[in-house]
Amino acid sequence: HLDLHPSSGGDNYIDFASVPFQIP
């Protein structure tokens, strides 16, 4: 999943579902 931990710019978690993906 798109899992972003709290950041140095003051954003709390950004966390939401993804789907199985490819690496281009």
PDB file of all heavy atoms in Angstrom:
ATOM      1  N   HIS A   1       0.839  -1.200   0.000  1.00  0.00           N
ATOM      2  CA  HIS A   1       0.000   0.000   0.000  1.00  0.00           C
ATOM      3  C   HIS A   1       0.872   1.247   0.000  1.00  0.00           C
ATOM      4  O   HIS A   1       2.073   1.198   0.313  1.00  0.00           O
ATOM      5  CB  HIS A   1      -0.958  -0.008   1.193  1.00  0.00           C
ATOM      6  CG  HIS A   1      -0.273  -0.015   2.527  1.00  0.00           C
ATOM      7  ND1 HIS A   1      -0.347   1.026   3.412  1.00  0.00           N
ATOM      8  CD2 HIS A   1       0.503  -0.948   3.139  1.00  0.00           C
ATOM      9  CE1 HIS A   1       0.345   0.744   4.504  1.00  0.00           C
ATOM     10  NE2 HIS A   1       0.870  -0.453   4.360  1.00  0.00           N
ATOM     11  N   LEU A   2       0.305   2.385  -0.392  1.00  0.00           N
ATOM     12  CA  LEU A   2       1.061   3.631  -0.368  1.00  0.00           C
ATOM     13  C   LEU A   2       1.192   4.065   1.083  1.00  0.00           C
ATOM     14  O   LEU A   2       0.240   4.561   1.689  1.00  0.00           O
ATOM     15  CB  LEU A   2       0.376   4.708  -1.215  1.00  0.00           C
ATOM     16  CG  LEU A   2       0.614   4.541  -2.721  1.00  0.00           C
ATOM     17  CD1 LEU A   2      -0.512   3.742  -3.355  1.00  0.00           C
ATOM     18  CD2 LEU A   2       0.767   5.881  -3.398  1.00  0.00           C
ATOM     19  N   ASP A   3       2.355   3.859   1.644  1.00  0.00           N
ATOM     20  CA  ASP A   3       2.613   3.979   3.072  1.00  0.00           C
ATOM     21  C   ASP A   3       3.679   5.039   3.293  1.00  0.00           C
ATOM     22  O   ASP A   3       4.868   4.763   3.205  1.00  0.00           O
ATOM     23  CB  ASP A   3       3.067   2.608   3.603  1.00  0.00           C
ATOM     24  CG  ASP A   3       3.541   2.667   5.047  1.00  0.00           C
ATOM     25  OD1 ASP A   3       3.107   3.565   5.785  1.00  0.00           O
ATOM     26  OD2 ASP A   3       4.366   1.810   5.436  1.00  0.00           O
ATOM     27  N   LEU A   4       3.228   6.262   3.569  1.00  0.00           N
ATOM     28  CA  LEU A   4       4.158   7.356   3.847  1.00  0.00           C
ATOM     29  C   LEU A   4       4.070   7.725   5.320  1.00  0.00           C
ATOM     30  O   LEU A   4       3.001   8.101   5.827  1.00  0.00           O
ATOM     31  CB  LEU A   4       3.834   8.578   2.983  1.00  0.00           C
ATOM     32  CG  LEU A   4       4.297   8.489   1.528  1.00  0.00           C
ATOM     33  CD1 LEU A   4       3.314   7.697   0.689  1.00  0.00           C
ATOM     34  CD2 LEU A   4       4.484   9.877   0.938  1.00  0.00           C
ATOM     35  N   HIS A   5       5.192   7.625   6.017  1.00  0.00           N
ATOM     36  CA  HIS A   5       5.238   7.989   7.427  1.00  0.00           C
ATOM     37  C   HIS A   5       5.269   9.508   7.579  1.00  0.00           C
ATOM     38  O   HIS A   5       5.556  10.228   6.623  1.00  0.00           O
ATOM     39  CB  HIS A   5       6.468   7.356   8.077  1.00  0.00           C
ATOM     40  CG  HIS A   5       6.305   5.894   8.362  1.00  0.00           C
ATOM     41  ND1 HIS A   5       6.549   5.332   9.592  1.00  0.00           N
ATOM     42  CD2 HIS A   5       5.897   4.870   7.570  1.00  0.00           C
ATOM     43  CE1 HIS A   5       6.311   4.029   9.552  1.00  0.00           C
ATOM     44  NE2 HIS A   5       5.916   3.729   8.324  1.00  0.00           N
ATOM     45  N   PRO A   6       4.961  10.013   8.779  1.00  0.00           N
ATOM     46  CA  PRO A   6       5.018  11.463   8.992  1.00  0.00           C
ATOM     47  C   PRO A   6       6.334  12.044   8.500  1.00  0.00           C
ATOM     48  O   PRO A   6       7.386  11.397   8.580  1.00  0.00           O
ATOM     49  CB  PRO A   6       4.875  11.588  10.512  1.00  0.00           C
ATOM     50  CG  PRO A   6       4.047  10.396  10.896  1.00  0.00           C
ATOM     51  CD  PRO A   6       4.511   9.295   9.985  1.00  0.00           C
ATOM     52  N   SER A   7       6.272  13.256   7.999  1.00  0.00           N
ATOM     53  CA  SER A   7       7.411  13.795   7.254  1.00  0.00           C
ATOM     54  C   SER A   7       8.037  15.008   7.931  1.00  0.00           C
ATOM     55  O   SER A   7       7.464  15.622   8.840  1.00  0.00           O
ATOM     56  CB  SER A   7       6.955  14.183   5.847  1.00  0.00           C
ATOM     57  OG  SER A   7       6.040  15.271   5.924  1.00  0.00           O
ATOM     58  N   SER A   8       9.205  15.373   7.433  1.00  0.00           N
ATOM     59  CA  SER A   8       9.931  16.522   7.975  1.00  0.00           C
ATOM     60  C   SER A   8       9.231  17.835   7.654  1.00  0.00           C
ATOM     61  O   SER A   8       9.542  18.861   8.259  1.00  0.00           O
ATOM     62  CB  SER A   8      11.358  16.544   7.405  1.00  0.00           C
ATOM     63  OG  SER A   8      11.333  16.617   5.985  1.00  0.00           O
ATOM     64  N   GLY A   9       8.293  17.815   6.710  1.00  0.00           N
ATOM     65  CA  GLY A   9       7.535  19.016   6.383  1.00  0.00           C
ATOM     66  C   GLY A   9       6.248  19.161   7.165  1.00  0.00           C
ATOM     67  O   GLY A   9       5.463  20.086   6.909  1.00  0.00           O
ATOM     68  N   GLY A  10       5.987  18.253   8.095  1.00  0.00           N
ATOM     69  CA  GLY A  10       4.817  18.385   8.958  1.00  0.00           C
ATOM     70  C   GLY A  10       3.580  17.653   8.497  1.00  0.00           C
ATOM     71  O   GLY A  10       2.485  17.897   9.011  1.00  0.00           O
ATOM     72  N   ASP A  11       3.714  16.730   7.542  1.00  0.00           N
ATOM     73  CA  ASP A  11       2.567  15.918   7.138  1.00  0.00           C
ATOM     74  C   ASP A  11       2.427  14.723   8.067  1.00  0.00           C
ATOM     75  O   ASP A  11       3.413  14.046   8.369  1.00  0.00           O
ATOM     76  CB  ASP A  11       2.750  15.389   5.707  1.00  0.00           C
ATOM     77  CG  ASP A  11       2.679  16.492   4.670  1.00  0.00           C
ATOM     78  OD1 ASP A  11       1.945  17.469   4.894  1.00  0.00           O
ATOM     79  OD2 ASP A  11       3.379  16.380   3.638  1.00  0.00           O
ATOM     80  N   ASN A  12       1.212  14.444   8.497  1.00  0.00           N
ATOM     81  CA  ASN A  12       0.932  13.204   9.194  1.00  0.00           C
ATOM     82  C   ASN A  12       0.981  12.065   8.171  1.00  0.00           C
ATOM     83  O   ASN A  12       1.304  12.275   7.001  1.00  0.00           O
ATOM     84  CB  ASN A  12      -0.443  13.281   9.872  1.00  0.00           C
ATOM     85  CG  ASN A  12      -0.582  12.353  11.059  1.00  0.00           C
ATOM     86  OD1 ASN A  12      -0.012  11.263  11.091  1.00  0.00           O
ATOM     87  ND2 ASN A  12      -1.360  12.778  12.047  1.00  0.00           N
ATOM     88  N   TYR A  13       0.665  10.844   8.600  1.00  0.00           N
ATOM     89  CA  TYR A  13       0.670   9.712   7.675  1.00  0.00           C
ATOM     90  C   TYR A  13      -0.131  10.019   6.403  1.00  0.00           C
ATOM     91  O   TYR A  13      -1.194  10.654   6.456  1.00  0.00           O
ATOM     92  CB  TYR A  13       0.032   8.488   8.330  1.00  0.00           C
ATOM     93  CG  TYR A  13       0.878   7.765   9.334  1.00  0.00           C
ATOM     94  CD1 TYR A  13       0.620   7.896  10.700  1.00  0.00           C
ATOM     95  CD2 TYR A  13       1.905   6.924   8.933  1.00  0.00           C
ATOM     96  CE1 TYR A  13       1.377   7.215  11.642  1.00  0.00           C
ATOM     97  CE2 TYR A  13       2.670   6.238   9.869  1.00  0.00           C
ATOM     98  CZ  TYR A  13       2.403   6.389  11.214  1.00  0.00           C
ATOM     99  OH  TYR A  13       3.156   5.713  12.142  1.00  0.00           O
ATOM    100  N   ILE A  14       0.387   9.575   5.281  1.00  0.00           N
ATOM    101  CA  ILE A  14      -0.385   9.495   4.036  1.00  0.00           C
ATOM    102  C   ILE A  14      -0.443   8.022   3.708  1.00  0.00           C
ATOM    103  O   ILE A  14       0.585   7.404   3.391  1.00  0.00           O
ATOM    104  CB  ILE A  14       0.263  10.305   2.903  1.00  0.00           C
ATOM    105  CG1 ILE A  14       0.377  11.779   3.302  1.00  0.00           C
ATOM    106  CG2 ILE A  14      -0.528  10.144   1.608  1.00  0.00           C
ATOM    107  CD1 ILE A  14       1.108  12.637   2.285  1.00  0.00           C
ATOM    108  N   ASP A  15      -1.608   7.430   3.812  1.00  0.00           N
ATOM    109  CA  ASP A  15      -1.718   5.974   3.755  1.00  0.00           C
ATOM    110  C   ASP A  15      -3.015   5.602   3.050  1.00  0.00           C
ATOM    111  O   ASP A  15      -4.101   5.934   3.526  1.00  0.00           O
ATOM    112  CB  ASP A  15      -1.696   5.402   5.183  1.00  0.00           C
ATOM    113  CG  ASP A  15      -1.665   3.890   5.216  1.00  0.00           C
ATOM    114  OD1 ASP A  15      -2.717   3.282   4.958  1.00  0.00           O
ATOM    115  OD2 ASP A  15      -0.602   3.328   5.513  1.00  0.00           O
ATOM    116  N   PHE A  16      -2.891   4.957   1.896  1.00  0.00           N
ATOM    117  CA  PHE A  16      -4.086   4.490   1.192  1.00  0.00           C
ATOM    118  C   PHE A  16      -3.734   3.294   0.325  1.00  0.00           C
ATOM    119  O   PHE A  16      -2.563   3.002   0.067  1.00  0.00           O
ATOM    120  CB  PHE A  16      -4.743   5.615   0.388  1.00  0.00           C
ATOM    121  CG  PHE A  16      -3.824   6.364  -0.537  1.00  0.00           C
ATOM    122  CD1 PHE A  16      -3.701   6.015  -1.866  1.00  0.00           C
ATOM    123  CD2 PHE A  16      -3.088   7.449  -0.065  1.00  0.00           C
ATOM    124  CE1 PHE A  16      -2.872   6.715  -2.718  1.00  0.00           C
ATOM    125  CE2 PHE A  16      -2.244   8.162  -0.911  1.00  0.00           C
ATOM    126  CZ  PHE A  16      -2.136   7.785  -2.243  1.00  0.00           C
ATOM    127  N   ALA A  17      -4.758   2.604  -0.123  1.00  0.00           N
ATOM    128  CA  ALA A  17      -4.582   1.315  -0.794  1.00  0.00           C
ATOM    129  C   ALA A  17      -4.037   1.480  -2.201  1.00  0.00           C
ATOM    130  O   ALA A  17      -4.339   2.445  -2.910  1.00  0.00           O
ATOM    131  CB  ALA A  17      -5.912   0.573  -0.838  1.00  0.00           C
ATOM    132  N   SER A  18      -3.243   0.498  -2.602  1.00  0.00           N
ATOM    133  CA  SER A  18      -2.769   0.404  -3.981  1.00  0.00           C
ATOM    134  C   SER A  18      -3.300  -0.897  -4.570  1.00  0.00           C
ATOM    135  O   SER A  18      -4.060  -1.624  -3.929  1.00  0.00           O
ATOM    136  CB  SER A  18      -1.239   0.422  -4.033  1.00  0.00           C
ATOM    137  OG  SER A  18      -0.713  -0.799  -3.532  1.00  0.00           O
ATOM    138  N   VAL A  19      -2.898  -1.178  -5.794  1.00  0.00           N
ATOM    139  CA  VAL A  19      -3.176  -2.463  -6.424  1.00  0.00           C
ATOM    140  C   VAL A  19      -1.841  -3.056  -6.864  1.00  0.00           C
ATOM    141  O   VAL A  19      -0.851  -2.334  -7.024  1.00  0.00           O
ATOM    142  CB  VAL A  19      -4.128  -2.324  -7.626  1.00  0.00           C
ATOM    143  CG1 VAL A  19      -5.529  -2.005  -7.153  1.00  0.00           C
ATOM    144  CG2 VAL A  19      -3.647  -1.250  -8.593  1.00  0.00           C
ATOM    145  N   PRO A  20      -1.760  -4.372  -7.033  1.00  0.00           N
ATOM    146  CA  PRO A  20      -0.493  -4.974  -7.486  1.00  0.00           C
ATOM    147  C   PRO A  20       0.004  -4.286  -8.753  1.00  0.00           C
ATOM    148  O   PRO A  20      -0.761  -4.064  -9.700  1.00  0.00           O
ATOM    149  CB  PRO A  20      -0.877  -6.437  -7.731  1.00  0.00           C
ATOM    150  CG  PRO A  20      -2.003  -6.677  -6.772  1.00  0.00           C
ATOM    151  CD  PRO A  20      -2.787  -5.403  -6.766  1.00  0.00           C
ATOM    152  N   PHE A  21       1.299  -3.956  -8.765  1.00  0.00           N
ATOM    153  CA  PHE A  21       1.826  -3.086  -9.817  1.00  0.00           C
ATOM    154  C   PHE A  21       3.048  -3.698 -10.493  1.00  0.00           C
ATOM    155  O   PHE A  21       3.604  -4.703 -10.037  1.00  0.00           O
ATOM    156  CB  PHE A  21       2.188  -1.714  -9.236  1.00  0.00           C
ATOM    157  CG  PHE A  21       3.092  -1.768  -8.019  1.00  0.00           C
ATOM    158  CD1 PHE A  21       4.453  -1.990  -8.126  1.00  0.00           C
ATOM    159  CD2 PHE A  21       2.547  -1.595  -6.749  1.00  0.00           C
ATOM    160  CE1 PHE A  21       5.268  -2.028  -7.003  1.00  0.00           C
ATOM    161  CE2 PHE A  21       3.363  -1.637  -5.609  1.00  0.00           C
ATOM    162  CZ  PHE A  21       4.723  -1.860  -5.745  1.00  0.00           C
ATOM    163  N   GLN A  22       3.464  -3.061 -11.583  1.00  0.00           N
ATOM    164  CA  GLN A  22       4.677  -3.432 -12.306  1.00  0.00           C
ATOM    165  C   GLN A  22       5.763  -2.391 -12.065  1.00  0.00           C
ATOM    166  O   GLN A  22       5.500  -1.270 -11.613  1.00  0.00           O
ATOM    167  CB  GLN A  22       4.384  -3.534 -13.806  1.00  0.00           C
ATOM    168  CG  GLN A  22       3.435  -4.647 -14.198  1.00  0.00           C
ATOM    169  CD  GLN A  22       3.049  -4.568 -15.666  1.00  0.00           C
ATOM    170  OE1 GLN A  22       2.601  -3.541 -16.144  1.00  0.00           O
ATOM    171  NE2 GLN A  22       3.234  -5.674 -16.389  1.00  0.00           N
ATOM    172  N   ILE A  23       6.996  -2.775 -12.371  1.00  0.00           N
ATOM    173  CA  ILE A  23       8.149  -1.871 -12.292  1.00  0.00           C
ATOM    174  C   ILE A  23       8.550  -1.532 -13.726  1.00  0.00           C
ATOM    175  O   ILE A  23       9.061  -2.386 -14.452  1.00  0.00           O
ATOM    176  CB  ILE A  23       9.324  -2.526 -11.559  1.00  0.00           C
ATOM    177  CG1 ILE A  23       8.904  -2.973 -10.154  1.00  0.00           C
ATOM    178  CG2 ILE A  23      10.520  -1.573 -11.496  1.00  0.00           C
ATOM    179  CD1 ILE A  23       9.910  -3.902  -9.483  1.00  0.00           C
ATOM    180  N   PRO A  24       8.309  -0.298 -14.189  1.00  0.00           N
ATOM    181  CA  PRO A  24       8.657   0.047 -15.570  1.00  0.00           C
ATOM    182  C   PRO A  24      10.145   0.331 -15.724  1.00  0.00           C
ATOM    183  O   PRO A  24      10.760   1.005 -14.885  1.00  0.00           O
ATOM    184  CB  PRO A  24       7.828   1.303 -15.839  1.00  0.00           C
ATOM    185  CG  PRO A  24       7.649   1.926 -14.490  1.00  0.00           C
ATOM    186  CD  PRO A  24       7.607   0.798 -13.494  1.00  0.00           C
TER     187      PRO A  24
END
